[in-house]
Amino acid sequence: MSWDTTSISLSAGCDLFMRYVTRTSALEYEDFNAAKLRLIERGEKFGEISLKARRTIAMLGQDFVFDGSTILVHGFSRVVLEVLKLAASNRKMFRVFCTEGRPDRTGLRFSNELAQLGVPVKLLLDSAVAYAMDEVDMVFVGADGVVESGGILNMMGTYQIALVAHSMSKPVYVAAESYKFARLYPLDQKDLAPAIRPIDFGVPIPSGVEVEGNARDYTPPQYLTLLFTDLGVLTPSVVSDELIQLYL
């Protein structure tokens, strides 16, 4: 079994889990078996909260998905999919543009999920975002991590999509569970360890040609409109306050 050692959501989730489970003074006064049961009980409670997070976020996002809207998505976010699934089940009429999502083509997977729901969907080349943006009403993305500045770490290409959307006055919405809130404060794109992924160009790469293999970028908060979380609908500027509360 393997996992992504660079995953921000994994490390942030584990940190919050440990803090939640051990945040009880009762552990100092109980015998070992009682303390063990208390830890298990709090661990299960944390799991329940995490499972409910996507449903909570999906409900919060419904007021922003309106009939006749065109939504651009990037990457395969389960929580964004939950937002759109609920909107479709509420009989809202909308269509979705999915970027291809290189290097792992997540847009193909996401578009397949939407097609099964009967949602009109169009696949875009990653490089066609600016070309299609005038047809878009809003951008919805997930996040691998939400950092202290209110910015996000997400699939490569999120930053340039947010830049294009911002320049054309299109709102950019982020859907992310609170366990993805990380105590990080990147100042630029190179501040964090790269998440390297293999890239298949379909043809041999010429000798001596370097390939950028990082699969994640940082989107600063000024290019984001709102964050839909299980803590509520937040502006990027209040994320640091929520982080303080989470880690108290």
Protein backbone atom coordinates (compact mmCIF):
# COMPACT_ATOMS: atom_id res chain seq x y z
CA MET A 1 0.00 0.00 0.00
CA SER A 2 1.35 3.47 -0.91
CA TRP A 3 0.29 7.07 -0.42
CA ASP A 4 1.27 10.53 -1.57
CA THR A 5 3.88 11.73 0.91
CA THR A 6 3.48 15.31 -0.39
CA SER A 7 -0.30 15.42 0.20
CA ILE A 8 -1.19 18.57 2.14
CA SER A 9 -4.70 17.31 2.99
CA LEU A 10 -3.28 14.06 4.41
CA SER A 11 -0.78 15.77 6.71
CA ALA A 12 -3.25 18.48 7.78
CA GLY A 13 -6.01 15.91 8.38
CA CYS A 14 -3.72 13.72 10.48
CA ASP A 15 -2.56 16.74 12.51
CA LEU A 16 -6.14 17.82 13.22
CA PHE A 17 -7.13 14.23 14.01
CA MET A 18 -4.37 13.89 16.61
CA ARG A 19 -5.28 17.22 18.20
CA TYR A 20 -8.99 16.40 18.32
CA VAL A 21 -8.51 12.91 19.72
CA THR A 22 -6.07 13.91 22.46
CA ARG A 23 -7.75 17.22 23.39
CA THR A 24 -9.26 16.03 26.66
CA SER A 25 -7.89 16.50 30.16
CA ALA A 26 -9.61 13.26 31.22
CA LEU A 27 -6.67 11.32 29.79
CA GLU A 28 -4.47 12.58 32.63
CA TYR A 29 -6.68 11.07 35.32
CA GLU A 30 -8.02 7.79 33.91
CA ASP A 31 -6.44 4.35 33.86
CA PHE A 32 -5.05 3.01 30.59
CA ASN A 33 -8.14 1.10 29.42
CA ALA A 34 -10.49 4.01 30.14
CA ALA A 35 -8.13 6.40 28.35
CA LYS A 36 -7.95 4.03 25.38
CA LEU A 37 -11.73 3.89 25.12
CA ARG A 38 -11.90 7.70 25.33
CA LEU A 39 -9.39 8.01 22.47
CA ILE A 40 -11.34 5.55 20.32
CA GLU A 41 -14.59 7.36 21.06
CA ARG A 42 -13.15 10.74 20.04
CA GLY A 43 -11.54 9.21 16.96
CA GLU A 44 -14.88 7.81 15.80
CA LYS A 45 -16.51 11.18 16.43
CA PHE A 46 -13.88 12.87 14.24
CA GLY A 47 -14.64 10.34 11.51
CA GLU A 48 -18.37 11.11 11.69
CA ILE A 49 -17.71 14.84 11.41
CA SER A 50 -15.47 14.29 8.39
CA LEU A 51 -18.02 12.11 6.62
CA LYS A 52 -20.74 14.72 7.06
CA ALA A 53 -18.51 17.51 5.74
CA ARG A 54 -19.16 16.92 2.02
CA ARG A 55 -22.92 16.85 2.50
CA THR A 56 -22.79 20.08 4.49
CA ILE A 57 -20.68 21.78 1.82
CA ALA A 58 -22.96 20.52 -0.96
CA MET A 59 -25.97 22.08 0.76
CA LEU A 60 -24.17 25.39 1.25
CA GLY A 61 -23.25 25.52 -2.44
CA GLN A 62 -26.81 25.16 -3.74
CA ASP A 63 -27.68 28.86 -3.55
CA PHE A 64 -24.81 29.62 -5.92
CA VAL A 65 -25.67 27.12 -8.67
CA PHE A 66 -28.49 28.76 -10.59
CA ASP A 67 -30.60 27.60 -13.53
CA GLY A 68 -28.99 28.20 -16.89
CA SER A 69 -25.49 28.58 -15.44
CA THR A 70 -22.27 27.29 -16.97
CA ILE A 71 -19.72 26.02 -14.45
CA LEU A 72 -16.03 25.43 -15.13
CA VAL A 73 -14.36 22.72 -13.03
CA HIS A 74 -10.73 21.66 -12.85
CA GLY A 75 -9.49 18.37 -11.41
CA PHE A 76 -11.45 15.57 -9.78
CA SER A 77 -12.79 16.91 -6.49
CA ARG A 78 -15.21 14.64 -4.66
CA VAL A 79 -16.69 17.55 -2.76
CA VAL A 80 -17.26 19.60 -5.94
CA LEU A 81 -18.88 16.50 -7.45
CA GLU A 82 -21.14 16.30 -4.38
CA VAL A 83 -22.19 19.95 -4.89
CA LEU A 84 -23.10 19.27 -8.52
CA LYS A 85 -24.80 15.96 -7.75
CA LEU A 86 -27.08 17.65 -5.23
CA ALA A 87 -27.82 20.48 -7.67
CA ALA A 88 -28.76 17.92 -10.34
CA SER A 89 -30.99 16.00 -7.90
CA ASN A 90 -32.72 19.31 -7.12
CA ARG A 91 -33.54 19.53 -10.83
CA LYS A 92 -31.38 22.56 -11.45
CA MET A 93 -30.53 23.09 -15.10
CA PHE A 94 -26.84 23.82 -15.66
CA ARG A 95 -23.93 22.69 -17.79
CA VAL A 96 -20.32 22.00 -16.90
CA PHE A 97 -17.03 22.60 -18.68
CA CYS A 98 -14.36 20.14 -17.53
CA THR A 99 -10.72 20.77 -18.25
CA GLU A 100 -8.84 17.71 -19.46
CA GLY A 101 -6.70 17.82 -16.31
CA ARG A 102 -3.20 16.86 -17.32
CA PRO A 103 -1.15 14.94 -16.34
CA ASP A 104 -3.63 12.36 -14.99
CA ARG A 105 -6.66 13.44 -17.06
CA THR A 106 -8.94 13.87 -14.11
CA GLY A 107 -11.37 15.84 -16.27
CA LEU A 108 -12.18 12.69 -18.23
CA ARG A 109 -13.17 10.92 -15.03
CA PHE A 110 -15.14 13.90 -13.76
CA SER A 111 -17.01 14.32 -17.05
CA ASN A 112 -17.93 10.62 -16.99
CA GLU A 113 -19.47 11.04 -13.52
CA LEU A 114 -21.50 14.04 -14.70
CA ALA A 115 -22.63 12.31 -17.90
CA GLN A 116 -24.03 9.46 -15.81
CA LEU A 117 -26.10 12.04 -13.91
CA GLY A 118 -27.45 13.43 -17.17
CA VAL A 119 -25.67 16.77 -16.72
CA PRO A 120 -24.61 18.43 -20.02
CA VAL A 121 -20.81 18.46 -20.01
CA LYS A 122 -18.06 19.60 -22.37
CA LEU A 123 -14.38 18.64 -22.19
CA LEU A 124 -11.82 21.40 -22.71
CA LEU A 125 -8.12 21.29 -23.36
CA ASP A 126 -6.32 22.78 -20.38
CA SER A 127 -4.99 25.46 -22.72
CA ALA A 128 -8.53 26.42 -23.83
CA VAL A 129 -9.64 27.96 -20.52
CA ALA A 130 -9.21 31.59 -21.61
CA TYR A 131 -10.91 30.81 -24.92
CA ALA A 132 -14.00 29.42 -23.15
CA MET A 133 -14.12 31.74 -20.12
CA ASP A 134 -16.57 34.21 -21.68
CA GLU A 135 -19.19 31.43 -21.65
CA VAL A 136 -18.56 30.60 -17.99
CA ASP A 137 -20.61 31.97 -15.09
CA MET A 138 -18.46 30.58 -12.26
CA VAL A 139 -15.46 28.38 -11.52
CA PHE A 140 -15.67 25.55 -8.97
CA VAL A 141 -12.51 23.83 -7.73
CA GLY A 142 -11.54 21.65 -4.81
CA ALA A 143 -8.32 21.96 -2.83
CA ASP A 144 -5.54 19.70 -1.66
CA GLY A 145 -4.93 22.25 1.07
CA VAL A 146 -6.22 25.61 2.30
CA VAL A 147 -3.37 27.67 3.75
CA GLU A 148 -3.23 30.43 6.36
CA SER A 149 -3.38 33.26 3.83
CA GLY A 150 -6.71 31.97 2.52
CA GLY A 151 -5.08 30.73 -0.67
CA ILE A 152 -5.23 27.13 -1.84
CA LEU A 153 -2.93 24.38 -3.03
CA ASN A 154 -4.55 22.37 -5.77
CA MET A 155 -4.02 20.59 -9.05
CA MET A 156 -1.61 22.25 -11.46
CA GLY A 157 -3.45 24.78 -13.59
CA THR A 158 -5.76 26.07 -10.85
CA TYR A 159 -3.70 29.25 -10.50
CA GLN A 160 -3.85 30.17 -14.17
CA ILE A 161 -7.60 29.43 -14.30
CA ALA A 162 -8.13 31.75 -11.32
CA LEU A 163 -6.05 34.46 -13.01
CA VAL A 164 -8.13 34.25 -16.19
CA ALA A 165 -11.40 34.19 -14.24
CA HIS A 166 -10.33 37.18 -12.14
CA SER A 167 -9.39 39.19 -15.23
CA MET A 168 -12.85 38.52 -16.69
CA SER A 169 -14.73 39.14 -13.40
CA LYS A 170 -15.88 35.54 -12.98
CA PRO A 171 -16.26 34.22 -9.40
CA VAL A 172 -13.95 31.42 -8.29
CA TYR A 173 -15.46 29.16 -5.63
CA VAL A 174 -13.48 26.62 -3.61
CA ALA A 175 -15.12 23.59 -1.99
CA ALA A 176 -12.97 22.07 0.75
CA GLU A 177 -13.41 20.23 4.02
CA SER A 178 -12.03 21.92 7.14
CA TYR A 179 -9.57 19.06 7.74
CA LYS A 180 -7.70 20.37 4.68
CA PHE A 181 -6.89 23.63 6.50
CA ALA A 182 -3.12 23.60 6.91
CA ARG A 183 -0.77 25.71 8.98
CA LEU A 184 1.29 26.75 5.98
CA TYR A 185 2.02 30.18 4.54
CA PRO A 186 3.59 29.86 1.08
CA LEU A 187 4.89 33.12 -0.39
CA ASP A 188 5.27 31.88 -3.94
CA GLN A 189 4.97 28.81 -6.16
CA LYS A 190 8.31 27.33 -5.10
CA ASP A 191 7.76 27.55 -1.33
CA LEU A 192 6.50 23.98 -0.95
CA ALA A 193 7.84 20.59 -1.92
CA PRO A 194 6.70 19.68 -5.45
CA ALA A 195 4.16 16.90 -5.99
CA ILE A 196 5.89 15.07 -8.81
CA ARG A 197 3.75 13.05 -11.23
CA PRO A 198 4.81 11.16 -14.37
CA ILE A 199 3.71 12.81 -17.62
CA ASP A 200 3.05 10.87 -20.79
CA PHE A 201 3.28 13.12 -23.85
CA GLY A 202 2.50 10.25 -26.19
CA VAL A 203 5.79 10.70 -28.02
CA PRO A 204 9.44 10.23 -27.01
CA ILE A 205 10.94 13.24 -25.24
CA PRO A 206 14.10 14.48 -26.98
CA SER A 207 17.33 13.89 -25.11
CA GLY A 208 18.35 16.80 -22.91
CA VAL A 209 14.84 18.27 -22.67
CA GLU A 210 13.70 18.94 -19.10
CA VAL A 211 10.09 18.21 -18.09
CA GLU A 212 8.23 20.10 -15.35
CA GLY A 213 6.67 17.27 -13.36
CA ASN A 214 5.07 19.17 -10.48
CA ALA A 215 1.32 18.47 -10.37
CA ARG A 216 0.31 21.15 -7.85
CA ASP A 217 0.30 24.95 -7.73
CA TYR A 218 -0.59 27.71 -5.27
CA THR A 219 -3.46 30.14 -5.88
CA PRO A 220 -3.22 33.34 -3.78
CA PRO A 221 -6.36 34.47 -1.92
CA GLN A 222 -6.95 37.62 -3.99
CA TYR A 223 -8.01 35.43 -6.91
CA LEU A 224 -10.59 33.46 -4.91
CA THR A 225 -14.14 34.62 -4.21
CA LEU A 226 -15.53 32.28 -1.53
CA LEU A 227 -14.67 29.00 0.18
CA PHE A 228 -17.48 26.53 0.88
CA THR A 229 -16.51 24.52 3.96
CA ASP A 230 -18.23 22.52 6.68
CA LEU A 231 -17.53 25.52 8.91
CA GLY A 232 -19.68 27.70 6.65
CA VAL A 233 -19.19 29.93 3.60
CA LEU A 234 -15.97 31.85 4.18
CA THR A 235 -14.11 34.66 2.52
CA PRO A 236 -10.38 33.95 2.10
CA SER A 237 -9.55 36.66 4.64
CA VAL A 238 -11.15 34.78 7.58
CA VAL A 239 -9.35 31.47 7.01
CA SER A 240 -6.56 32.36 9.44
CA ASP A 241 -9.13 32.98 12.20
CA GLU A 242 -10.75 29.59 11.55
CA LEU A 243 -7.34 27.90 11.64
CA ILE A 244 -6.67 29.39 15.06
CA GLN A 245 -9.96 27.96 16.33
CA LEU A 246 -9.29 24.55 14.81
CA TYR A 247 -5.86 24.25 16.43
CA LEU A 248 -6.73 25.65 19.85
